[in-house]
Amino acid sequence: MGQDETVSNTALEPAVPQAEASRRRLTIEVVIVLGLSLGQSAVYSILRIIERMTRNVPLSQQTSTLNQSATPDRPWLDLTYQLVNIIFPLFAVLLVLYLLQLTHPRPWRMIGFDLRRPGFDAWFGLVIAAAIGVPGLGLYLGARALGFNTQVQAAALADNWWTVPVLILAAAENAILEEVIMIGYLYTRLRQLSWRWPMIILGSALIRGSYHLYQGFGGFVGNLIMGAVFGLVYLRWKRVAPLVVAHTLLDVVSFVGYTLVAPHVSWL
């Protein structure tokens, strides 16, 4: 075959506009990130609530247990399991920061996940936690009373010297994972994909609510509202850090508070 008759396969392919290619790449990136992290959790949680709803036992008489011991008879191994369970999910946070760095030089600063304003982040996070926490407890108790939620055992670790520190670390891990991915990363990417802000807030909040569905519909609604509030706060101040502080405080109170209070009361 002569040289003039040779045509490369690439030349036969239609040219894809750069903007369209970038949009496609970002869409695929978001799907992969969610599929490897909290989107996957949402799917499993939806399956879990379906399984719960199709039991012969009412939802209100079922129990959702968080922070369970892996080997309660071997504390050193149990501690290792707990630390591994805390560390590995944070690789998803490193992944999204790396991906954001491909389009933004300092993504941690762009989303406000840094130490530039520690005082503001601390006190504002405390205010947010207080504003969310009390109504959230009321919603949980109300949902249980109406039969829409399971009984949530927020901590079921064996009694060891490291129990409270591990629960605090687990609270911080949950907060970092959820706020960096569901707010900092997802808001950035969906905006780059030309989503409007109301749809971004709603979409992120729906995913957040969905991966708490395993607890029941009270957990879904409560976290849906929390996600929307956190989203509005982020749009106003452009900082993930106070949301991480608030979320950490909420989970510390839930995990450690449950451990200390639950043995002495009947309504939790």
C-alpha atoms as a PDB file:
ATOM      1  CA  MET A   1       0.000   0.000   0.000  1.00  0.00           C
ATOM      2  CA  GLY A   2       1.373   3.394  -0.961  1.00  0.00           C
ATOM      3  CA  GLN A   3       2.094   6.120   1.536  1.00  0.00           C
ATOM      4  CA  ASP A   4      -0.686   8.344   0.168  1.00  0.00           C
ATOM      5  CA  GLU A   5      -3.212   5.568   0.767  1.00  0.00           C
ATOM      6  CA  THR A   6      -2.331   5.192   4.435  1.00  0.00           C
ATOM      7  CA  VAL A   7      -4.831   6.853   6.739  1.00  0.00           C
ATOM      8  CA  SER A   8      -4.447   6.632  10.508  1.00  0.00           C
ATOM      9  CA  ASN A   9      -7.371   5.514  12.647  1.00  0.00           C
ATOM     10  CA  THR A  10      -6.972   8.697  14.681  1.00  0.00           C
ATOM     11  CA  ALA A  11      -7.579  10.847  11.625  1.00  0.00           C
ATOM     12  CA  LEU A  12     -10.856   9.041  10.961  1.00  0.00           C
ATOM     13  CA  GLU A  13     -12.189   9.778  14.459  1.00  0.00           C
ATOM     14  CA  PRO A  14     -14.300  12.933  14.813  1.00  0.00           C
ATOM     15  CA  ALA A  15     -12.632  15.692  16.762  1.00  0.00           C
ATOM     16  CA  VAL A  16     -14.020  16.204  20.274  1.00  0.00           C
ATOM     17  CA  PRO A  17     -14.157  19.826  21.438  1.00  0.00           C
ATOM     18  CA  GLN A  18     -11.850  20.438  24.383  1.00  0.00           C
ATOM     19  CA  ALA A  19     -14.668  21.718  26.603  1.00  0.00           C
ATOM     20  CA  GLU A  20     -16.754  18.617  25.929  1.00  0.00           C
ATOM     21  CA  ALA A  21     -13.800  16.330  26.595  1.00  0.00           C
ATOM     22  CA  SER A  22     -13.075  18.118  29.872  1.00  0.00           C
ATOM     23  CA  ARG A  23     -16.726  17.875  30.911  1.00  0.00           C
ATOM     24  CA  ARG A  24     -16.775  14.164  30.121  1.00  0.00           C
ATOM     25  CA  ARG A  25     -13.576  13.580  32.076  1.00  0.00           C
ATOM     26  CA  LEU A  26     -14.902  15.428  35.124  1.00  0.00           C
ATOM     27  CA  THR A  27     -18.182  13.505  34.998  1.00  0.00           C
ATOM     28  CA  ILE A  28     -16.343  10.187  34.885  1.00  0.00           C
ATOM     29  CA  GLU A  29     -14.062  11.365  37.701  1.00  0.00           C
ATOM     30  CA  VAL A  30     -17.017  12.249  39.956  1.00  0.00           C
ATOM     31  CA  VAL A  31     -18.701   8.897  39.291  1.00  0.00           C
ATOM     32  CA  ILE A  32     -15.484   7.003  40.103  1.00  0.00           C
ATOM     33  CA  VAL A  33     -14.838   8.988  43.296  1.00  0.00           C
ATOM     34  CA  LEU A  34     -18.387   8.460  44.561  1.00  0.00           C
ATOM     35  CA  GLY A  35     -18.305   4.812  43.520  1.00  0.00           C
ATOM     36  CA  LEU A  36     -15.171   4.287  45.595  1.00  0.00           C
ATOM     37  CA  SER A  37     -16.356   6.227  48.636  1.00  0.00           C
ATOM     38  CA  LEU A  38     -19.623   7.652  49.931  1.00  0.00           C
ATOM     39  CA  GLY A  39     -21.712   6.904  46.847  1.00  0.00           C
ATOM     40  CA  GLN A  40     -20.914   3.235  47.378  1.00  0.00           C
ATOM     41  CA  SER A  41     -21.971   3.600  51.014  1.00  0.00           C
ATOM     42  CA  ALA A  42     -25.257   5.142  49.851  1.00  0.00           C
ATOM     43  CA  VAL A  43     -26.037   2.167  47.607  1.00  0.00           C
ATOM     44  CA  TYR A  44     -25.316  -0.332  50.384  1.00  0.00           C
ATOM     45  CA  SER A  45     -27.392   1.736  52.799  1.00  0.00           C
ATOM     46  CA  ILE A  46     -30.372   1.739  50.432  1.00  0.00           C
ATOM     47  CA  LEU A  47     -30.101  -2.039  50.131  1.00  0.00           C
ATOM     48  CA  ARG A  48     -29.868  -2.247  53.914  1.00  0.00           C
ATOM     49  CA  ILE A  49     -33.068  -0.279  54.499  1.00  0.00           C
ATOM     50  CA  ILE A  50     -34.881  -2.457  51.947  1.00  0.00           C
ATOM     51  CA  GLU A  51     -33.692  -5.520  53.849  1.00  0.00           C
ATOM     52  CA  ARG A  52     -34.841  -4.001  57.135  1.00  0.00           C
ATOM     53  CA  MET A  53     -38.253  -2.990  55.766  1.00  0.00           C
ATOM     54  CA  THR A  54     -38.921  -6.490  54.454  1.00  0.00           C
ATOM     55  CA  ARG A  55     -38.303  -8.184  57.810  1.00  0.00           C
ATOM     56  CA  ASN A  56     -41.150  -9.364  60.031  1.00  0.00           C
ATOM     57  CA  VAL A  57     -39.760  -7.163  62.823  1.00  0.00           C
ATOM     58  CA  PRO A  58     -40.881  -3.498  62.898  1.00  0.00           C
ATOM     59  CA  LEU A  59     -38.180  -0.968  62.076  1.00  0.00           C
ATOM     60  CA  SER A  60     -38.446   0.637  65.513  1.00  0.00           C
ATOM     61  CA  GLN A  61     -37.553  -2.683  67.158  1.00  0.00           C
ATOM     62  CA  GLN A  62     -34.371  -3.138  65.127  1.00  0.00           C
ATOM     63  CA  THR A  63     -30.921  -1.884  66.090  1.00  0.00           C
ATOM     64  CA  SER A  64     -28.181  -0.164  64.116  1.00  0.00           C
ATOM     65  CA  THR A  65     -24.776  -0.539  65.760  1.00  0.00           C
ATOM     66  CA  LEU A  66     -21.864   1.775  65.007  1.00  0.00           C
ATOM     67  CA  ASN A  67     -18.207   1.452  66.088  1.00  0.00           C
ATOM     68  CA  GLN A  68     -18.286  -2.233  66.943  1.00  0.00           C
ATOM     69  CA  SER A  69     -15.458  -4.272  68.385  1.00  0.00           C
ATOM     70  CA  ALA A  70     -13.832  -6.653  65.923  1.00  0.00           C
ATOM     71  CA  THR A  71     -12.077  -8.904  68.464  1.00  0.00           C
ATOM     72  CA  PRO A  72     -13.312  -7.863  71.933  1.00  0.00           C
ATOM     73  CA  ASP A  73     -11.428 -10.743  73.579  1.00  0.00           C
ATOM     74  CA  ARG A  74      -8.071  -9.471  72.190  1.00  0.00           C
ATOM     75  CA  PRO A  75      -7.860  -5.734  72.886  1.00  0.00           C
ATOM     76  CA  TRP A  76      -4.540  -5.151  71.102  1.00  0.00           C
ATOM     77  CA  LEU A  77      -5.877  -6.694  67.877  1.00  0.00           C
ATOM     78  CA  ASP A  78      -9.181  -4.880  68.268  1.00  0.00           C
ATOM     79  CA  LEU A  79      -7.299  -1.577  68.584  1.00  0.00           C
ATOM     80  CA  THR A  80      -5.400  -2.387  65.387  1.00  0.00           C
ATOM     81  CA  TYR A  81      -8.643  -3.100  63.554  1.00  0.00           C
ATOM     82  CA  GLN A  82     -10.164   0.177  64.769  1.00  0.00           C
ATOM     83  CA  LEU A  83      -7.151   2.237  63.682  1.00  0.00           C
ATOM     84  CA  VAL A  84      -7.030   0.559  60.272  1.00  0.00           C
ATOM     85  CA  ASN A  85     -10.757   1.254  59.810  1.00  0.00           C
ATOM     86  CA  ILE A  86     -10.061   4.910  60.576  1.00  0.00           C
ATOM     87  CA  ILE A  87      -6.973   5.299  58.387  1.00  0.00           C
ATOM     88  CA  PHE A  88      -7.977   3.624  55.128  1.00  0.00           C
ATOM     89  CA  PRO A  89     -11.095   5.744  54.372  1.00  0.00           C
ATOM     90  CA  LEU A  90      -8.902   8.845  54.564  1.00  0.00           C
ATOM     91  CA  PHE A  91      -7.138   7.724  51.380  1.00  0.00           C
ATOM     92  CA  ALA A  92     -10.323   8.775  49.564  1.00  0.00           C
ATOM     93  CA  VAL A  93      -9.738  12.272  50.953  1.00  0.00           C
ATOM     94  CA  LEU A  94      -6.156  12.233  49.677  1.00  0.00           C
ATOM     95  CA  LEU A  95      -7.466  11.065  46.311  1.00  0.00           C
ATOM     96  CA  VAL A  96      -9.919  13.930  45.881  1.00  0.00           C
ATOM     97  CA  LEU A  97      -7.333  16.496  46.988  1.00  0.00           C
ATOM     98  CA  TYR A  98      -4.935  15.045  44.417  1.00  0.00           C
ATOM     99  CA  LEU A  99      -7.604  15.204  41.701  1.00  0.00           C
ATOM    100  CA  LEU A 100      -8.504  18.774  42.625  1.00  0.00           C
ATOM    101  CA  GLN A 101      -4.824  19.668  42.457  1.00  0.00           C
ATOM    102  CA  LEU A 102      -4.850  18.753  38.773  1.00  0.00           C
ATOM    103  CA  THR A 103      -7.099  21.764  38.142  1.00  0.00           C
ATOM    104  CA  HIS A 104      -6.351  23.970  41.179  1.00  0.00           C
ATOM    105  CA  PRO A 105      -2.787  24.536  42.500  1.00  0.00           C
ATOM    106  CA  ARG A 106      -3.705  24.549  46.214  1.00  0.00           C
ATOM    107  CA  PRO A 107      -7.043  22.736  46.576  1.00  0.00           C
ATOM    108  CA  TRP A 108      -6.940  22.586  50.385  1.00  0.00           C
ATOM    109  CA  ARG A 109      -6.839  26.380  50.465  1.00  0.00           C
ATOM    110  CA  MET A 110      -9.485  26.715  47.771  1.00  0.00           C
ATOM    111  CA  ILE A 111     -12.007  24.655  49.768  1.00  0.00           C
ATOM    112  CA  GLY A 112     -10.925  26.106  53.118  1.00  0.00           C
ATOM    113  CA  PHE A 113      -9.485  22.900  54.537  1.00  0.00           C
ATOM    114  CA  ASP A 114      -6.422  24.524  56.100  1.00  0.00           C
ATOM    115  CA  LEU A 115      -5.214  26.282  59.248  1.00  0.00           C
ATOM    116  CA  ARG A 116      -5.429  29.892  58.090  1.00  0.00           C
ATOM    117  CA  ARG A 117      -8.338  30.724  60.443  1.00  0.00           C
ATOM    118  CA  PRO A 118      -8.222  28.259  63.369  1.00  0.00           C
ATOM    119  CA  GLY A 119     -10.037  30.525  65.818  1.00  0.00           C
ATOM    120  CA  PHE A 120     -12.911  31.196  63.433  1.00  0.00           C
ATOM    121  CA  ASP A 121     -13.142  27.542  62.425  1.00  0.00           C
ATOM    122  CA  ALA A 122     -13.270  26.406  66.077  1.00  0.00           C
ATOM    123  CA  TRP A 123     -15.915  28.786  67.433  1.00  0.00           C
ATOM    124  CA  PHE A 124     -18.026  28.758  64.283  1.00  0.00           C
ATOM    125  CA  GLY A 125     -17.890  24.974  64.190  1.00  0.00           C
ATOM    126  CA  LEU A 126     -19.097  24.895  67.793  1.00  0.00           C
ATOM    127  CA  VAL A 127     -22.030  27.182  66.911  1.00  0.00           C
ATOM    128  CA  ILE A 128     -22.998  25.018  63.936  1.00  0.00           C
ATOM    129  CA  ALA A 129     -22.786  21.852  66.053  1.00  0.00           C
ATOM    130  CA  ALA A 130     -25.055  23.335  68.712  1.00  0.00           C
ATOM    131  CA  ALA A 131     -27.571  24.498  66.109  1.00  0.00           C
ATOM    132  CA  ILE A 132     -27.671  21.050  64.457  1.00  0.00           C
ATOM    133  CA  GLY A 133     -27.247  18.774  67.468  1.00  0.00           C
ATOM    134  CA  VAL A 134     -30.254  19.561  69.663  1.00  0.00           C
ATOM    135  CA  PRO A 135     -32.869  19.466  66.865  1.00  0.00           C
ATOM    136  CA  GLY A 136     -31.142  16.368  65.489  1.00  0.00           C
ATOM    137  CA  LEU A 137     -31.593  14.497  68.768  1.00  0.00           C
ATOM    138  CA  GLY A 138     -35.234  15.544  68.855  1.00  0.00           C
ATOM    139  CA  LEU A 139     -35.735  14.308  65.297  1.00  0.00           C
ATOM    140  CA  TYR A 140     -34.137  10.961  66.145  1.00  0.00           C
ATOM    141  CA  LEU A 141     -36.323  10.439  69.211  1.00  0.00           C
ATOM    142  CA  GLY A 142     -39.419  11.508  67.315  1.00  0.00           C
ATOM    143  CA  ALA A 143     -38.659   9.179  64.401  1.00  0.00           C
ATOM    144  CA  ARG A 144     -38.161   6.295  66.821  1.00  0.00           C
ATOM    145  CA  ALA A 145     -41.429   7.044  68.582  1.00  0.00           C
ATOM    146  CA  LEU A 146     -43.255   7.052  65.240  1.00  0.00           C
ATOM    147  CA  GLY A 147     -41.583   3.802  64.161  1.00  0.00           C
ATOM    148  CA  PHE A 148     -39.568   5.332  61.315  1.00  0.00           C
ATOM    149  CA  ASN A 149     -36.109   4.682  62.740  1.00  0.00           C
ATOM    150  CA  THR A 150     -34.062   1.925  64.296  1.00  0.00           C
ATOM    151  CA  GLN A 151     -32.495   2.208  67.705  1.00  0.00           C
ATOM    152  CA  VAL A 152     -28.999   3.516  67.024  1.00  0.00           C
ATOM    153  CA  GLN A 153     -26.214   2.221  69.261  1.00  0.00           C
ATOM    154  CA  ALA A 154     -23.599   4.835  68.502  1.00  0.00           C
ATOM    155  CA  ALA A 155     -20.749   2.909  70.131  1.00  0.00           C
ATOM    156  CA  ALA A 156     -20.300  -0.758  70.985  1.00  0.00           C
ATOM    157  CA  LEU A 157     -16.588  -1.030  71.677  1.00  0.00           C
ATOM    158  CA  ALA A 158     -15.308  -3.133  74.516  1.00  0.00           C
ATOM    159  CA  ASP A 159     -14.247  -1.223  77.630  1.00  0.00           C
ATOM    160  CA  ASN A 160     -10.537  -0.512  77.140  1.00  0.00           C
ATOM    161  CA  TRP A 161      -8.162   2.341  77.937  1.00  0.00           C
ATOM    162  CA  TRP A 162      -8.202   3.321  74.263  1.00  0.00           C
ATOM    163  CA  THR A 163     -11.993   3.264  73.756  1.00  0.00           C
ATOM    164  CA  VAL A 164     -12.651   7.003  74.113  1.00  0.00           C
ATOM    165  CA  PRO A 165      -9.584   8.118  72.073  1.00  0.00           C
ATOM    166  CA  VAL A 166     -10.578   5.742  69.269  1.00  0.00           C
ATOM    167  CA  LEU A 167     -14.139   7.063  69.267  1.00  0.00           C
ATOM    168  CA  ILE A 168     -12.799  10.622  69.000  1.00  0.00           C
ATOM    169  CA  LEU A 169     -10.546   9.611  66.106  1.00  0.00           C
ATOM    170  CA  ALA A 170     -13.481   7.861  64.414  1.00  0.00           C
ATOM    171  CA  ALA A 171     -15.545  11.033  64.773  1.00  0.00           C
ATOM    172  CA  ALA A 172     -12.789  13.116  63.180  1.00  0.00           C
ATOM    173  CA  GLU A 173     -12.374  10.599  60.350  1.00  0.00           C
ATOM    174  CA  ASN A 174     -16.099  10.669  59.568  1.00  0.00           C
ATOM    175  CA  ALA A 175     -16.086  14.453  59.543  1.00  0.00           C
ATOM    176  CA  ILE A 176     -13.029  14.825  57.304  1.00  0.00           C
ATOM    177  CA  LEU A 177     -14.217  12.158  54.872  1.00  0.00           C
ATOM    178  CA  GLU A 178     -17.752  13.502  54.495  1.00  0.00           C
ATOM    179  CA  GLU A 179     -17.100  17.231  54.439  1.00  0.00           C
ATOM    180  CA  VAL A 180     -14.058  17.194  52.157  1.00  0.00           C
ATOM    181  CA  ILE A 181     -15.731  14.868  49.632  1.00  0.00           C
ATOM    182  CA  MET A 182     -19.412  15.825  49.847  1.00  0.00           C
ATOM    183  CA  ILE A 183     -18.843  19.573  50.194  1.00  0.00           C
ATOM    184  CA  GLY A 184     -15.361  20.648  49.138  1.00  0.00           C
ATOM    185  CA  TYR A 185     -14.807  18.224  46.264  1.00  0.00           C
ATOM    186  CA  LEU A 186     -18.351  17.620  45.015  1.00  0.00           C
ATOM    187  CA  TYR A 187     -19.385  21.273  45.085  1.00  0.00           C
ATOM    188  CA  THR A 188     -16.261  22.219  43.113  1.00  0.00           C
ATOM    189  CA  ARG A 189     -16.687  19.562  40.462  1.00  0.00           C
ATOM    190  CA  LEU A 190     -20.454  19.926  40.018  1.00  0.00           C
ATOM    191  CA  ARG A 191     -20.047  23.675  39.615  1.00  0.00           C
ATOM    192  CA  GLN A 192     -17.400  23.036  36.951  1.00  0.00           C
ATOM    193  CA  LEU A 193     -19.991  20.812  35.269  1.00  0.00           C
ATOM    194  CA  SER A 194     -22.353  23.829  35.174  1.00  0.00           C
ATOM    195  CA  TRP A 195     -24.781  22.566  37.814  1.00  0.00           C
ATOM    196  CA  ARG A 196     -26.813  25.304  39.469  1.00  0.00           C
ATOM    197  CA  TRP A 197     -26.262  25.847  43.179  1.00  0.00           C
ATOM    198  CA  PRO A 198     -29.719  24.636  44.331  1.00  0.00           C
ATOM    199  CA  MET A 199     -29.202  21.355  42.478  1.00  0.00           C
ATOM    200  CA  ILE A 200     -25.684  20.985  43.890  1.00  0.00           C
ATOM    201  CA  ILE A 201     -26.940  21.490  47.445  1.00  0.00           C
ATOM    202  CA  LEU A 202     -29.861  19.105  46.914  1.00  0.00           C
ATOM    203  CA  GLY A 203     -27.780  16.443  45.165  1.00  0.00           C
ATOM    204  CA  SER A 204     -25.058  16.421  47.820  1.00  0.00           C
ATOM    205  CA  ALA A 205     -27.619  16.417  50.650  1.00  0.00           C
ATOM    206  CA  LEU A 206     -29.537  13.520  49.088  1.00  0.00           C
ATOM    207  CA  ILE A 207     -26.379  11.422  48.876  1.00  0.00           C
ATOM    208  CA  ARG A 208     -25.536  12.311  52.492  1.00  0.00           C
ATOM    209  CA  GLY A 209     -28.995  11.323  53.635  1.00  0.00           C
ATOM    210  CA  SER A 210     -28.898   8.118  51.576  1.00  0.00           C
ATOM    211  CA  TYR A 211     -25.761   6.716  53.172  1.00  0.00           C
ATOM    212  CA  HIS A 212     -27.440   7.092  56.563  1.00  0.00           C
ATOM    213  CA  LEU A 213     -30.613   5.245  55.489  1.00  0.00           C
ATOM    214  CA  TYR A 214     -29.409   2.069  57.207  1.00  0.00           C
ATOM    215  CA  GLN A 215     -30.459   3.782  60.462  1.00  0.00           C
ATOM    216  CA  GLY A 216     -33.987   4.421  59.214  1.00  0.00           C
ATOM    217  CA  PHE A 217     -35.875   7.341  57.733  1.00  0.00           C
ATOM    218  CA  GLY A 218     -35.126   9.623  60.666  1.00  0.00           C
ATOM    219  CA  GLY A 219     -31.419   9.263  59.919  1.00  0.00           C
ATOM    220  CA  PHE A 220     -32.084  10.023  56.259  1.00  0.00           C
ATOM    221  CA  VAL A 221     -34.111  13.189  56.915  1.00  0.00           C
ATOM    222  CA  GLY A 222     -31.798  14.452  59.654  1.00  0.00           C
ATOM    223  CA  ASN A 223     -28.687  14.110  57.508  1.00  0.00           C
ATOM    224  CA  LEU A 224     -30.474  15.502  54.463  1.00  0.00           C
ATOM    225  CA  ILE A 225     -31.221  18.677  56.436  1.00  0.00           C
ATOM    226  CA  MET A 226     -27.700  18.740  57.870  1.00  0.00           C
ATOM    227  CA  GLY A 227     -26.231  18.434  54.374  1.00  0.00           C
ATOM    228  CA  ALA A 228     -28.340  21.321  53.086  1.00  0.00           C
ATOM    229  CA  VAL A 229     -27.405  23.542  56.041  1.00  0.00           C
ATOM    230  CA  PHE A 230     -23.714  22.698  55.688  1.00  0.00           C
ATOM    231  CA  GLY A 231     -23.926  23.458  51.982  1.00  0.00           C
ATOM    232  CA  LEU A 232     -25.425  26.895  52.571  1.00  0.00           C
ATOM    233  CA  VAL A 233     -22.756  27.646  55.190  1.00  0.00           C
ATOM    234  CA  TYR A 234     -20.039  26.602  52.748  1.00  0.00           C
ATOM    235  CA  LEU A 235     -21.408  28.806  49.986  1.00  0.00           C
ATOM    236  CA  ARG A 236     -21.401  31.775  52.360  1.00  0.00           C
ATOM    237  CA  TRP A 237     -17.941  31.325  53.916  1.00  0.00           C
ATOM    238  CA  LYS A 238     -16.163  29.022  51.425  1.00  0.00           C
ATOM    239  CA  ARG A 239     -14.545  27.008  54.212  1.00  0.00           C
ATOM    240  CA  VAL A 240     -14.809  23.280  54.874  1.00  0.00           C
ATOM    241  CA  ALA A 241     -12.826  23.484  58.141  1.00  0.00           C
ATOM    242  CA  PRO A 242     -15.663  24.751  60.411  1.00  0.00           C
ATOM    243  CA  LEU A 243     -17.914  22.053  58.972  1.00  0.00           C
ATOM    244  CA  VAL A 244     -15.293  19.440  59.870  1.00  0.00           C
ATOM    245  CA  VAL A 245     -15.130  20.874  63.393  1.00  0.00           C
ATOM    246  CA  ALA A 246     -18.928  20.855  63.719  1.00  0.00           C
ATOM    247  CA  HIS A 247     -19.287  17.329  62.370  1.00  0.00           C
ATOM    248  CA  THR A 248     -16.489  16.064  64.631  1.00  0.00           C
ATOM    249  CA  LEU A 249     -18.145  17.589  67.706  1.00  0.00           C
ATOM    250  CA  LEU A 250     -21.518  16.101  66.780  1.00  0.00           C
ATOM    251  CA  ASP A 251     -20.039  12.625  66.384  1.00  0.00           C
ATOM    252  CA  VAL A 252     -17.898  12.897  69.518  1.00  0.00           C
ATOM    253  CA  VAL A 253     -20.999  13.765  71.542  1.00  0.00           C
ATOM    254  CA  SER A 254     -22.893  10.897  69.890  1.00  0.00           C
ATOM    255  CA  PHE A 255     -20.173   8.264  70.242  1.00  0.00           C
ATOM    256  CA  VAL A 256     -18.634   9.148  73.592  1.00  0.00           C
ATOM    257  CA  GLY A 257     -21.906  10.443  75.049  1.00  0.00           C
ATOM    258  CA  TYR A 258     -23.679   7.216  74.149  1.00  0.00           C
ATOM    259  CA  THR A 259     -20.908   5.171  75.771  1.00  0.00           C
ATOM    260  CA  LEU A 260     -21.198   7.148  79.004  1.00  0.00           C
ATOM    261  CA  VAL A 261     -24.958   7.746  79.157  1.00  0.00           C
ATOM    262  CA  ALA A 262     -26.686   4.779  77.496  1.00  0.00           C
ATOM    263  CA  PRO A 263     -26.112   2.328  80.384  1.00  0.00           C
ATOM    264  CA  HIS A 264     -27.982   4.686  82.714  1.00  0.00           C
ATOM    265  CA  VAL A 265     -31.033   5.676  80.612  1.00  0.00           C
ATOM    266  CA  SER A 266     -33.704   3.784  78.693  1.00  0.00           C
ATOM    267  CA  TRP A 267     -34.651   6.310  76.018  1.00  0.00           C
ATOM    268  CA  LEU A 268     -31.487   6.126  73.873  1.00  0.00           C
END
